[in-house]
Amino acid sequence: MFRIAGIDIGLKRSHLVVLEDRKVIYVGTYEECDLDFDFAGIDAPLSLPRRGHLRECERMLLSMGIRVLPPKFIEGVAKRGMEIADELRRRGVVVYEVYPYATRVILNIAPKANKRRARGRMEISKSLKRFLEFNELKNHDELDAAISALTVKMYIEGMGERLREIIIPKP
């Protein structure tokens, strides 16, 4: 059985969720986790576009009707994501770039809910339980980490696809 991590990158700390099959076995921070895992989905760009441009995967998401963040908004998070990806690869972990919002839209995991509001988090959490078993995810960072892990799980089980730099579930 594989262990799959989802990591929501933050500049100060990064939230991490680890799955075994459908079950969440760890919720915490990347910096404090001592569990080993085989695969990781990182919620941050793992490459930077040419200045002021979108990457091909972002143009593809836009053509699917999925909104993306502007490149200048995510540069610091991208650099931290690339550092963590390099650390994990050195440990033998297979790393993927993921975009939890795209997964929410494709899988209909409360795509219109606002993850920054308690009601929205509750809607997302309830909908996410169709796919994963967990007790509680306390904030939007933990939700994004869990959805990141779900995206990787689906991809390695053949229910996902690659859009250039990122992976998404198959619609």
N, C-alpha and C. Protein backbone atom coordinates (compact mmCIF):
# COMPACT_ATOMS: atom_id res chain seq x y z
N MET A 1 0.84 -1.18 0.00
CA MET A 1 0.00 0.00 0.00
C MET A 1 0.89 1.24 0.00
N PHE A 2 0.53 2.20 -0.83
CA PHE A 2 1.29 3.44 -0.93
C PHE A 2 0.79 4.46 0.07
N ARG A 3 1.70 5.33 0.46
CA ARG A 3 1.33 6.51 1.22
C ARG A 3 1.48 7.70 0.29
N ILE A 4 0.48 8.55 0.32
CA ILE A 4 0.45 9.71 -0.57
C ILE A 4 0.28 10.96 0.27
N ALA A 5 1.16 11.93 0.05
CA ALA A 5 1.08 13.19 0.78
C ALA A 5 0.53 14.28 -0.13
N GLY A 6 -0.22 15.17 0.46
CA GLY A 6 -0.64 16.40 -0.19
C GLY A 6 -0.05 17.54 0.61
N ILE A 7 0.56 18.49 -0.07
CA ILE A 7 1.23 19.59 0.63
C ILE A 7 0.72 20.92 0.10
N ASP A 8 0.17 21.71 1.00
CA ASP A 8 -0.25 23.07 0.68
C ASP A 8 0.89 24.00 1.10
N ILE A 9 1.55 24.59 0.14
CA ILE A 9 2.75 25.37 0.41
C ILE A 9 2.41 26.72 1.01
N GLY A 10 3.12 27.05 2.08
CA GLY A 10 3.04 28.37 2.69
C GLY A 10 4.44 28.92 2.85
N LEU A 11 4.56 30.22 2.94
CA LEU A 11 5.89 30.82 3.07
C LEU A 11 6.49 30.57 4.45
N LYS A 12 5.64 30.50 5.49
CA LYS A 12 6.14 30.27 6.84
C LYS A 12 6.09 28.79 7.21
N ARG A 13 4.98 28.13 6.88
CA ARG A 13 4.87 26.69 7.11
C ARG A 13 3.95 26.11 6.04
N SER A 14 4.13 24.85 5.79
CA SER A 14 3.34 24.17 4.77
C SER A 14 2.53 23.07 5.42
N HIS A 15 1.25 23.02 5.08
CA HIS A 15 0.36 22.01 5.64
C HIS A 15 0.46 20.72 4.85
N LEU A 16 0.35 19.60 5.56
CA LEU A 16 0.54 18.29 4.96
C LEU A 16 -0.55 17.34 5.43
N VAL A 17 -1.06 16.56 4.50
CA VAL A 17 -1.99 15.47 4.79
C VAL A 17 -1.42 14.23 4.15
N VAL A 18 -1.44 13.10 4.86
CA VAL A 18 -0.94 11.84 4.31
C VAL A 18 -2.09 10.85 4.27
N LEU A 19 -2.21 10.18 3.11
CA LEU A 19 -3.24 9.16 2.90
C LEU A 19 -2.64 7.78 2.84
N GLU A 20 -3.39 6.81 3.36
CA GLU A 20 -3.19 5.39 3.06
C GLU A 20 -4.52 4.94 2.50
N ASP A 21 -4.52 4.58 1.24
CA ASP A 21 -5.75 4.27 0.51
C ASP A 21 -6.65 5.50 0.59
N ARG A 22 -7.86 5.37 1.14
CA ARG A 22 -8.80 6.51 1.25
C ARG A 22 -8.70 7.23 2.60
N LYS A 23 -7.93 6.68 3.52
CA LYS A 23 -7.92 7.16 4.90
C LYS A 23 -6.81 8.18 5.15
N VAL A 24 -7.18 9.30 5.73
CA VAL A 24 -6.20 10.31 6.15
C VAL A 24 -5.55 9.80 7.44
N ILE A 25 -4.23 9.62 7.39
CA ILE A 25 -3.53 9.11 8.58
C ILE A 25 -2.68 10.17 9.27
N TYR A 26 -2.50 11.32 8.63
CA TYR A 26 -1.72 12.40 9.25
C TYR A 26 -2.24 13.73 8.74
N VAL A 27 -2.42 14.67 9.67
CA VAL A 27 -2.73 16.05 9.34
C VAL A 27 -1.81 16.91 10.20
N GLY A 28 -1.04 17.77 9.58
CA GLY A 28 -0.12 18.62 10.33
C GLY A 28 0.68 19.48 9.37
N THR A 29 1.93 19.72 9.74
CA THR A 29 2.78 20.53 8.87
C THR A 29 3.87 19.67 8.25
N TYR A 30 4.31 20.09 7.10
CA TYR A 30 5.42 19.42 6.42
C TYR A 30 6.65 19.43 7.30
N GLU A 31 6.88 20.55 7.94
CA GLU A 31 8.09 20.74 8.74
C GLU A 31 8.14 19.80 9.95
N GLU A 32 6.99 19.36 10.45
CA GLU A 32 6.93 18.51 11.65
C GLU A 32 6.68 17.05 11.36
N CYS A 33 6.36 16.69 10.13
CA CYS A 33 5.99 15.31 9.81
C CYS A 33 7.22 14.41 9.76
N ASP A 34 7.13 13.25 10.43
CA ASP A 34 8.23 12.29 10.38
C ASP A 34 7.82 10.99 9.67
N LEU A 35 6.65 11.00 9.03
CA LEU A 35 6.19 9.84 8.27
C LEU A 35 6.89 9.78 6.91
N ASP A 36 7.13 8.57 6.44
CA ASP A 36 7.60 8.40 5.07
C ASP A 36 6.38 8.27 4.16
N PHE A 37 6.51 8.73 2.93
CA PHE A 37 5.47 8.55 1.93
C PHE A 37 6.13 8.38 0.58
N ASP A 38 5.36 7.79 -0.35
CA ASP A 38 5.89 7.41 -1.65
C ASP A 38 5.67 8.46 -2.74
N PHE A 39 4.54 9.17 -2.65
CA PHE A 39 4.14 10.16 -3.64
C PHE A 39 3.75 11.44 -2.92
N ALA A 40 3.90 12.57 -3.61
CA ALA A 40 3.47 13.84 -3.03
C ALA A 40 2.88 14.72 -4.12
N GLY A 41 1.79 15.38 -3.78
CA GLY A 41 1.19 16.39 -4.63
C GLY A 41 1.42 17.73 -3.97
N ILE A 42 2.06 18.63 -4.68
CA ILE A 42 2.40 19.93 -4.12
C ILE A 42 1.51 21.00 -4.75
N ASP A 43 0.81 21.72 -3.89
CA ASP A 43 -0.08 22.80 -4.31
C ASP A 43 0.73 24.08 -4.44
N ALA A 44 1.51 24.14 -5.49
CA ALA A 44 2.31 25.32 -5.83
C ALA A 44 2.93 25.06 -7.19
N PRO A 45 3.14 26.10 -7.97
CA PRO A 45 3.84 25.89 -9.24
C PRO A 45 5.25 25.35 -8.97
N LEU A 46 5.63 24.35 -9.74
CA LEU A 46 6.98 23.79 -9.59
C LEU A 46 7.88 24.23 -10.74
N SER A 47 7.41 25.23 -11.47
CA SER A 47 8.21 25.89 -12.50
C SER A 47 7.65 27.31 -12.63
N LEU A 48 8.49 28.21 -13.08
CA LEU A 48 8.04 29.59 -13.23
C LEU A 48 7.86 29.92 -14.71
N PRO A 49 6.83 30.70 -15.03
CA PRO A 49 6.64 31.10 -16.43
C PRO A 49 7.59 32.24 -16.80
N ARG A 50 7.64 32.52 -18.09
CA ARG A 50 8.36 33.73 -18.50
C ARG A 50 7.65 34.90 -17.85
N ARG A 51 8.38 35.90 -17.50
CA ARG A 51 7.85 37.05 -16.77
C ARG A 51 6.54 37.56 -17.40
N GLY A 52 5.49 37.59 -16.57
CA GLY A 52 4.21 38.14 -16.98
C GLY A 52 3.36 37.21 -17.83
N HIS A 53 3.79 35.99 -18.05
CA HIS A 53 3.04 35.07 -18.90
C HIS A 53 2.47 33.92 -18.07
N LEU A 54 1.51 33.23 -18.65
CA LEU A 54 0.98 32.01 -18.05
C LEU A 54 1.72 30.82 -18.62
N ARG A 55 1.83 29.76 -17.82
CA ARG A 55 2.39 28.51 -18.33
C ARG A 55 1.32 27.81 -19.17
N GLU A 56 1.73 26.85 -19.96
CA GLU A 56 0.81 26.12 -20.82
C GLU A 56 -0.32 25.47 -20.02
N CYS A 57 0.01 24.88 -18.88
CA CYS A 57 -1.04 24.21 -18.08
C CYS A 57 -2.09 25.21 -17.61
N GLU A 58 -1.67 26.42 -17.30
CA GLU A 58 -2.63 27.43 -16.85
C GLU A 58 -3.53 27.87 -18.00
N ARG A 59 -2.97 28.00 -19.19
CA ARG A 59 -3.80 28.32 -20.37
C ARG A 59 -4.80 27.20 -20.63
N MET A 60 -4.37 25.95 -20.44
CA MET A 60 -5.26 24.81 -20.64
C MET A 60 -6.39 24.82 -19.61
N LEU A 61 -6.06 25.12 -18.35
CA LEU A 61 -7.10 25.20 -17.32
C LEU A 61 -8.10 26.31 -17.64
N LEU A 62 -7.62 27.45 -18.07
CA LEU A 62 -8.51 28.55 -18.44
C LEU A 62 -9.45 28.13 -19.56
N SER A 63 -8.93 27.37 -20.53
CA SER A 63 -9.78 26.92 -21.64
C SER A 63 -10.85 25.93 -21.16
N MET A 64 -10.62 25.31 -19.99
CA MET A 64 -11.61 24.41 -19.39
C MET A 64 -12.59 25.17 -18.49
N GLY A 65 -12.40 26.49 -18.37
CA GLY A 65 -13.27 27.30 -17.52
C GLY A 65 -12.83 27.33 -16.07
N ILE A 66 -11.59 26.93 -15.79
CA ILE A 66 -11.07 26.90 -14.42
C ILE A 66 -10.15 28.10 -14.23
N ARG A 67 -10.48 28.96 -13.28
CA ARG A 67 -9.67 30.16 -13.07
C ARG A 67 -8.33 29.80 -12.44
N VAL A 68 -7.33 30.63 -12.71
CA VAL A 68 -5.98 30.43 -12.19
C VAL A 68 -5.50 31.74 -11.56
N LEU A 69 -4.47 31.63 -10.74
CA LEU A 69 -3.90 32.80 -10.10
C LEU A 69 -2.88 33.46 -11.03
N PRO A 70 -2.77 34.79 -10.96
CA PRO A 70 -1.77 35.47 -11.79
C PRO A 70 -0.36 35.08 -11.38
N PRO A 71 0.57 34.95 -12.35
CA PRO A 71 1.94 34.50 -12.05
C PRO A 71 2.65 35.33 -10.99
N LYS A 72 2.50 36.65 -11.00
CA LYS A 72 3.22 37.48 -10.02
C LYS A 72 2.77 37.21 -8.59
N PHE A 73 1.54 36.73 -8.43
CA PHE A 73 0.96 36.47 -7.12
C PHE A 73 1.60 35.26 -6.43
N ILE A 74 2.16 34.34 -7.20
CA ILE A 74 2.57 33.05 -6.65
C ILE A 74 4.07 32.80 -6.67
N GLU A 75 4.87 33.79 -7.02
CA GLU A 75 6.31 33.56 -7.17
C GLU A 75 6.98 33.04 -5.90
N GLY A 76 6.71 33.65 -4.75
CA GLY A 76 7.34 33.21 -3.50
C GLY A 76 6.92 31.80 -3.12
N VAL A 77 5.64 31.49 -3.29
CA VAL A 77 5.12 30.16 -2.99
C VAL A 77 5.74 29.15 -3.95
N ALA A 78 5.90 29.54 -5.21
CA ALA A 78 6.50 28.64 -6.20
C ALA A 78 7.94 28.29 -5.81
N LYS A 79 8.70 29.28 -5.40
CA LYS A 79 10.10 29.01 -5.02
C LYS A 79 10.16 28.06 -3.82
N ARG A 80 9.30 28.26 -2.84
CA ARG A 80 9.26 27.35 -1.67
C ARG A 80 8.81 25.97 -2.10
N GLY A 81 7.82 25.89 -2.98
CA GLY A 81 7.36 24.61 -3.50
C GLY A 81 8.47 23.86 -4.22
N MET A 82 9.26 24.57 -5.01
CA MET A 82 10.37 23.93 -5.74
C MET A 82 11.44 23.42 -4.77
N GLU A 83 11.68 24.15 -3.68
CA GLU A 83 12.64 23.69 -2.66
C GLU A 83 12.16 22.39 -2.03
N ILE A 84 10.89 22.36 -1.62
CA ILE A 84 10.33 21.16 -0.99
C ILE A 84 10.32 20.00 -1.98
N ALA A 85 9.96 20.26 -3.24
CA ALA A 85 9.97 19.21 -4.26
C ALA A 85 11.37 18.61 -4.41
N ASP A 86 12.38 19.45 -4.42
CA ASP A 86 13.77 18.96 -4.53
C ASP A 86 14.15 18.10 -3.32
N GLU A 87 13.76 18.54 -2.11
CA GLU A 87 14.04 17.76 -0.89
C GLU A 87 13.39 16.39 -0.99
N LEU A 88 12.14 16.36 -1.40
CA LEU A 88 11.40 15.10 -1.48
C LEU A 88 11.99 14.18 -2.54
N ARG A 89 12.33 14.72 -3.70
CA ARG A 89 12.93 13.89 -4.76
C ARG A 89 14.23 13.26 -4.29
N ARG A 90 15.02 14.00 -3.53
CA ARG A 90 16.28 13.44 -2.99
C ARG A 90 15.98 12.26 -2.06
N ARG A 91 14.80 12.25 -1.42
CA ARG A 91 14.40 11.15 -0.53
C ARG A 91 13.71 10.02 -1.30
N GLY A 92 13.59 10.17 -2.62
CA GLY A 92 12.98 9.11 -3.43
C GLY A 92 11.48 9.22 -3.61
N VAL A 93 10.90 10.34 -3.20
CA VAL A 93 9.46 10.54 -3.33
C VAL A 93 9.16 11.03 -4.76
N VAL A 94 8.12 10.48 -5.37
CA VAL A 94 7.67 10.93 -6.68
C VAL A 94 6.78 12.15 -6.44
N VAL A 95 7.13 13.27 -7.08
CA VAL A 95 6.47 14.55 -6.81
C VAL A 95 5.67 15.02 -8.03
N TYR A 96 4.47 15.51 -7.76
CA TYR A 96 3.62 16.08 -8.79
C TYR A 96 3.17 17.48 -8.38
N GLU A 97 2.99 18.33 -9.36
CA GLU A 97 2.35 19.62 -9.13
C GLU A 97 0.84 19.42 -9.28
N VAL A 98 0.09 19.96 -8.35
CA VAL A 98 -1.37 19.85 -8.38
C VAL A 98 -1.99 21.23 -8.15
N TYR A 99 -3.26 21.34 -8.48
CA TYR A 99 -4.03 22.57 -8.26
C TYR A 99 -5.38 22.16 -7.67
N PRO A 100 -5.50 22.19 -6.34
CA PRO A 100 -6.71 21.70 -5.68
C PRO A 100 -8.01 22.32 -6.19
N TYR A 101 -7.98 23.59 -6.55
CA TYR A 101 -9.22 24.20 -7.05
C TYR A 101 -9.68 23.51 -8.34
N ALA A 102 -8.74 23.17 -9.20
CA ALA A 102 -9.11 22.45 -10.43
C ALA A 102 -9.75 21.10 -10.08
N THR A 103 -9.19 20.41 -9.11
CA THR A 103 -9.76 19.13 -8.67
C THR A 103 -11.16 19.34 -8.12
N ARG A 104 -11.35 20.39 -7.34
CA ARG A 104 -12.70 20.68 -6.80
C ARG A 104 -13.69 20.91 -7.93
N VAL A 105 -13.29 21.65 -8.95
CA VAL A 105 -14.21 21.93 -10.06
C VAL A 105 -14.51 20.64 -10.82
N ILE A 106 -13.47 19.89 -11.17
CA ILE A 106 -13.64 18.68 -11.98
C ILE A 106 -14.48 17.62 -11.26
N LEU A 107 -14.23 17.45 -9.96
CA LEU A 107 -14.94 16.41 -9.19
C LEU A 107 -16.20 16.95 -8.49
N ASN A 108 -16.51 18.21 -8.70
CA ASN A 108 -17.67 18.83 -8.08
C ASN A 108 -17.61 18.74 -6.55
N ILE A 109 -16.46 19.10 -6.01
CA ILE A 109 -16.26 19.16 -4.55
C ILE A 109 -16.54 20.61 -4.12
N ALA A 110 -17.81 20.93 -4.03
CA ALA A 110 -18.27 22.27 -3.63
C ALA A 110 -17.44 23.37 -4.31
N PRO A 111 -17.41 23.39 -5.65
CA PRO A 111 -16.54 24.33 -6.35
C PRO A 111 -16.87 25.80 -6.15
N LYS A 112 -18.11 26.10 -5.78
CA LYS A 112 -18.49 27.50 -5.57
C LYS A 112 -18.32 27.94 -4.12
N ALA A 113 -18.00 27.02 -3.23
CA ALA A 113 -17.85 27.35 -1.81
C ALA A 113 -16.57 28.16 -1.59
N ASN A 114 -16.67 29.12 -0.68
CA ASN A 114 -15.52 29.95 -0.33
C ASN A 114 -14.74 29.28 0.79
N LYS A 115 -13.54 28.78 0.48
CA LYS A 115 -12.76 28.03 1.46
C LYS A 115 -12.26 28.89 2.61
N ARG A 116 -12.36 30.20 2.49
CA ARG A 116 -11.89 31.09 3.55
C ARG A 116 -12.98 31.40 4.59
N ARG A 117 -14.17 30.88 4.36
CA ARG A 117 -15.28 31.08 5.30
C ARG A 117 -15.66 29.73 5.92
N ALA A 118 -16.07 29.76 7.17
CA ALA A 118 -16.40 28.51 7.89
C ALA A 118 -17.46 27.71 7.15
N ARG A 119 -18.49 28.37 6.66
CA ARG A 119 -19.56 27.66 5.95
C ARG A 119 -19.01 26.99 4.67
N GLY A 120 -18.17 27.71 3.96
CA GLY A 120 -17.57 27.15 2.74
C GLY A 120 -16.69 25.95 3.04
N ARG A 121 -15.89 26.05 4.10
CA ARG A 121 -15.02 24.92 4.49
C ARG A 121 -15.86 23.71 4.86
N MET A 122 -16.99 23.95 5.53
CA MET A 122 -17.87 22.85 5.92
C MET A 122 -18.45 22.18 4.67
N GLU A 123 -18.85 22.96 3.68
CA GLU A 123 -19.38 22.41 2.43
C GLU A 123 -18.32 21.58 1.70
N ILE A 124 -17.11 22.13 1.62
CA ILE A 124 -16.02 21.42 0.93
C ILE A 124 -15.70 20.13 1.66
N SER A 125 -15.60 20.21 2.98
CA SER A 125 -15.29 19.03 3.79
C SER A 125 -16.34 17.93 3.60
N LYS A 126 -17.60 18.32 3.65
CA LYS A 126 -18.68 17.35 3.49
C LYS A 126 -18.60 16.68 2.11
N SER A 127 -18.37 17.45 1.09
CA SER A 127 -18.29 16.92 -0.27
C SER A 127 -17.04 16.05 -0.45
N LEU A 128 -15.94 16.44 0.18
CA LEU A 128 -14.69 15.68 0.08
C LEU A 128 -14.82 14.29 0.71
N LYS A 129 -15.72 14.14 1.67
CA LYS A 129 -15.91 12.84 2.32
C LYS A 129 -16.47 11.77 1.38
N ARG A 130 -16.90 12.16 0.19
CA ARG A 130 -17.28 11.17 -0.82
C ARG A 130 -16.04 10.41 -1.32
N PHE A 131 -14.87 11.02 -1.15
CA PHE A 131 -13.63 10.47 -1.69
C PHE A 131 -12.64 10.01 -0.63
N LEU A 132 -12.64 10.66 0.52
CA LEU A 132 -11.64 10.37 1.56
C LEU A 132 -12.32 10.18 2.92
N GLU A 133 -11.64 9.41 3.78
CA GLU A 133 -12.11 9.21 5.16
C GLU A 133 -11.23 10.04 6.09
N PHE A 134 -11.87 10.94 6.83
CA PHE A 134 -11.13 11.78 7.78
C PHE A 134 -12.10 12.27 8.84
N ASN A 135 -11.53 12.64 9.99
CA ASN A 135 -12.34 13.18 11.08
C ASN A 135 -12.58 14.67 10.91
N GLU A 136 -11.49 15.43 10.82
CA GLU A 136 -11.64 16.87 10.74
C GLU A 136 -10.45 17.48 10.03
N LEU A 137 -10.73 18.43 9.17
CA LEU A 137 -9.71 19.27 8.56
C LEU A 137 -10.06 20.69 8.99
N LYS A 138 -9.19 21.31 9.76
CA LYS A 138 -9.55 22.53 10.50
C LYS A 138 -9.56 23.82 9.69
N ASN A 139 -8.79 23.86 8.60
CA ASN A 139 -8.68 25.12 7.86
C ASN A 139 -8.53 24.86 6.37
N HIS A 140 -8.53 25.92 5.59
CA HIS A 140 -8.48 25.75 4.14
C HIS A 140 -7.13 25.18 3.68
N ASP A 141 -6.07 25.39 4.43
CA ASP A 141 -4.77 24.83 4.07
C ASP A 141 -4.80 23.30 4.17
N GLU A 142 -5.41 22.79 5.24
CA GLU A 142 -5.53 21.34 5.40
C GLU A 142 -6.46 20.75 4.33
N LEU A 143 -7.53 21.47 3.99
CA LEU A 143 -8.42 21.00 2.92
C LEU A 143 -7.66 20.93 1.60
N ASP A 144 -6.90 21.97 1.28
CA ASP A 144 -6.12 21.96 0.04
C ASP A 144 -5.09 20.84 0.03
N ALA A 145 -4.48 20.57 1.18
CA ALA A 145 -3.50 19.47 1.25
C ALA A 145 -4.19 18.13 1.01
N ALA A 146 -5.36 17.93 1.60
CA ALA A 146 -6.10 16.68 1.39
C ALA A 146 -6.52 16.52 -0.06
N ILE A 147 -6.99 17.59 -0.67
CA ILE A 147 -7.40 17.54 -2.08
C ILE A 147 -6.18 17.30 -2.97
N SER A 148 -5.04 17.83 -2.59
CA SER A 148 -3.80 17.58 -3.33
C SER A 148 -3.45 16.10 -3.30
N ALA A 149 -3.56 15.49 -2.13
CA ALA A 149 -3.28 14.05 -2.00
C ALA A 149 -4.29 13.24 -2.81
N LEU A 150 -5.56 13.62 -2.76
CA LEU A 150 -6.59 12.93 -3.55
C LEU A 150 -6.27 12.99 -5.04
N THR A 151 -5.81 14.13 -5.51
CA THR A 151 -5.47 14.29 -6.93
C THR A 151 -4.39 13.30 -7.33
N VAL A 152 -3.35 13.17 -6.51
CA VAL A 152 -2.28 12.22 -6.80
C VAL A 152 -2.80 10.80 -6.75
N LYS A 153 -3.61 10.49 -5.75
CA LYS A 153 -4.19 9.14 -5.64
C LYS A 153 -4.93 8.78 -6.92
N MET A 154 -5.76 9.66 -7.39
CA MET A 154 -6.53 9.38 -8.61
C MET A 154 -5.60 9.22 -9.81
N TYR A 155 -4.58 10.05 -9.89
CA TYR A 155 -3.66 10.00 -11.02
C TYR A 155 -2.92 8.65 -11.06
N ILE A 156 -2.38 8.22 -9.93
CA ILE A 156 -1.60 6.98 -9.94
C ILE A 156 -2.50 5.75 -10.08
N GLU A 157 -3.80 5.91 -9.79
CA GLU A 157 -4.75 4.82 -9.99
C GLU A 157 -5.35 4.84 -11.40
N GLY A 158 -4.83 5.71 -12.27
CA GLY A 158 -5.30 5.75 -13.66
C GLY A 158 -6.53 6.60 -13.88
N MET A 159 -6.93 7.38 -12.88
CA MET A 159 -8.12 8.22 -13.01
C MET A 159 -7.76 9.70 -13.09
N GLY A 160 -6.56 9.96 -13.63
CA GLY A 160 -6.11 11.33 -13.77
C GLY A 160 -5.39 11.51 -15.08
N GLU A 161 -5.03 12.75 -15.35
CA GLU A 161 -4.29 13.06 -16.56
C GLU A 161 -3.32 14.19 -16.30
N ARG A 162 -2.36 14.31 -17.19
CA ARG A 162 -1.35 15.37 -17.08
C ARG A 162 -1.71 16.48 -18.05
N LEU A 163 -1.71 17.71 -17.54
CA LEU A 163 -1.80 18.90 -18.37
C LEU A 163 -0.45 19.60 -18.29
N ARG A 164 0.46 19.17 -19.12
CA ARG A 164 1.83 19.70 -19.11
C ARG A 164 2.44 19.57 -17.72
N GLU A 165 2.49 20.69 -16.97
CA GLU A 165 3.19 20.71 -15.69
C GLU A 165 2.40 20.11 -14.53
N ILE A 166 1.09 20.06 -14.63
CA ILE A 166 0.29 19.60 -13.49
C ILE A 166 -0.48 18.33 -13.82
N ILE A 167 -1.02 17.72 -12.76
CA ILE A 167 -1.93 16.59 -12.94
C ILE A 167 -3.30 17.01 -12.42
N ILE A 168 -4.34 16.43 -13.03
CA ILE A 168 -5.71 16.68 -12.60
C ILE A 168 -6.47 15.36 -12.69
N PRO A 169 -7.61 15.27 -11.99
CA PRO A 169 -8.45 14.08 -12.17
C PRO A 169 -9.05 14.10 -13.58
N LYS A 170 -9.38 12.94 -14.11
CA LYS A 170 -10.08 12.89 -15.39
C LYS A 170 -11.52 13.36 -15.16
N PRO A 171 -11.98 14.23 -16.06
CA PRO A 171 -13.37 14.72 -15.93
C PRO A 171 -14.37 13.58 -16.14
